[in-house]
Amino acid sequence: MSDFHLMLKDYRLTTAEILYHMPDHPSFLQSYIWQELDIAPRFPVLNKFLAFWESQLEGKLHSVKVASAKLVVPAQFTFCKGELKIH
């Protein structure tokens, strides 16, 4: 399914900042930015990715910050009071 069709089904652009402990130096944190179309507020695609991370990758997760925004929204109009006359 195309990205546009997903957006019509209420998928939103979701960005997550993932902080994790470096495998060789656990006292240091590294940042990873993940971005994908996902459904808020449950975020099944992000949760699947985080489950993969915990089972397959060595860096232990520290924290995850999530931001989500709709990309396809109804048009918004602002009406102004006034008149413009040309000649």
Protein backbone atom coordinates (compact mmCIF):
# COMPACT_ATOMS: atom_id res chain seq x y z
CA MET A 1 0.00 0.00 0.00
CA SER A 2 1.34 3.46 -0.85
CA ASP A 3 2.23 6.03 1.79
CA PHE A 4 -0.66 8.24 0.67
CA HIS A 5 -3.17 5.41 1.19
CA LEU A 6 -1.72 4.78 4.65
CA MET A 7 -2.09 8.47 5.52
CA LEU A 8 -5.74 8.33 4.50
CA LYS A 9 -6.14 5.45 6.98
CA ASP A 10 -4.93 7.75 9.80
CA TYR A 11 -1.28 6.74 9.71
CA ARG A 12 0.87 9.64 10.85
CA LEU A 13 4.49 10.57 10.41
CA THR A 14 6.04 9.33 13.64
CA THR A 15 9.51 10.25 14.82
CA ALA A 16 11.19 8.61 17.79
CA GLU A 17 14.44 9.60 19.46
CA ILE A 18 15.85 6.43 20.98
CA LEU A 19 18.57 6.71 23.60
CA TYR A 20 20.49 3.51 24.26
CA HIS A 21 23.56 2.39 26.15
CA MET A 22 26.56 1.70 23.95
CA PRO A 23 27.41 -2.04 24.10
CA ASP A 24 31.16 -1.49 24.63
CA HIS A 25 30.73 1.44 27.04
CA PRO A 26 27.45 1.02 28.97
CA SER A 27 27.89 4.31 30.85
CA PHE A 28 27.64 6.26 27.54
CA LEU A 29 24.36 6.97 25.79
CA GLN A 30 23.97 7.06 22.03
CA SER A 31 21.04 8.61 20.14
CA TYR A 32 19.18 7.00 17.24
CA ILE A 33 16.41 8.72 15.25
CA TRP A 34 13.66 6.47 13.87
CA GLN A 35 10.98 7.78 11.48
CA GLU A 36 8.10 5.89 9.88
CA LEU A 37 4.36 6.09 9.24
CA ASP A 38 2.50 4.73 12.27
CA ILE A 39 -0.87 4.88 14.03
CA ALA A 40 -1.14 6.98 17.20
CA PRO A 41 -1.55 6.42 20.13
CA ARG A 42 -0.66 2.69 20.12
CA PHE A 43 2.22 2.94 17.61
CA PRO A 44 2.28 -0.72 16.46
CA VAL A 45 5.10 -0.18 13.93
CA LEU A 46 7.33 1.51 16.52
CA ASN A 47 6.56 -1.16 19.12
CA LYS A 48 7.49 -3.88 16.61
CA PHE A 49 10.78 -2.09 15.92
CA LEU A 50 11.53 -1.71 19.64
CA ALA A 51 10.76 -5.41 20.23
CA PHE A 52 13.23 -6.25 17.42
CA TRP A 53 15.78 -3.91 19.00
CA GLU A 54 15.53 -5.57 22.41
CA SER A 55 15.72 -9.11 21.01
CA GLN A 56 18.36 -8.67 18.28
CA LEU A 57 20.60 -5.70 19.11
CA GLU A 58 23.14 -5.36 21.90
CA GLY A 59 22.53 -1.75 22.98
CA LYS A 60 20.17 -1.70 25.98
CA LEU A 61 17.38 0.87 25.60
CA HIS A 62 17.46 3.84 27.95
CA SER A 63 14.50 5.97 26.79
CA VAL A 64 12.28 6.72 23.80
CA LYS A 65 10.72 10.11 22.96
CA VAL A 66 7.91 10.05 20.39
CA ALA A 67 6.40 12.80 18.24
CA SER A 68 3.59 12.27 15.76
CA ALA A 69 1.90 14.56 13.22
CA LYS A 70 -0.88 14.13 10.68
CA LEU A 71 0.23 14.92 7.16
CA VAL A 72 -3.12 14.81 5.40
CA VAL A 73 -5.54 17.23 7.04
CA PRO A 74 -8.59 19.13 5.82
CA ALA A 75 -7.88 22.51 4.30
CA GLN A 76 -8.17 25.41 6.69
CA PHE A 77 -9.39 28.79 5.52
CA THR A 78 -9.14 32.08 7.37
CA PHE A 79 -11.58 34.71 6.25
CA CYS A 80 -10.58 38.35 6.59
CA LYS A 81 -12.77 41.37 6.79
CA GLY A 82 -11.84 43.84 4.14
CA GLU A 83 -12.17 44.79 0.55
CA LEU A 84 -9.62 45.50 -2.12
CA LYS A 85 -10.63 47.74 -5.03
CA ILE A 86 -8.63 48.01 -8.19
CA HIS A 87 -9.61 51.14 -10.19
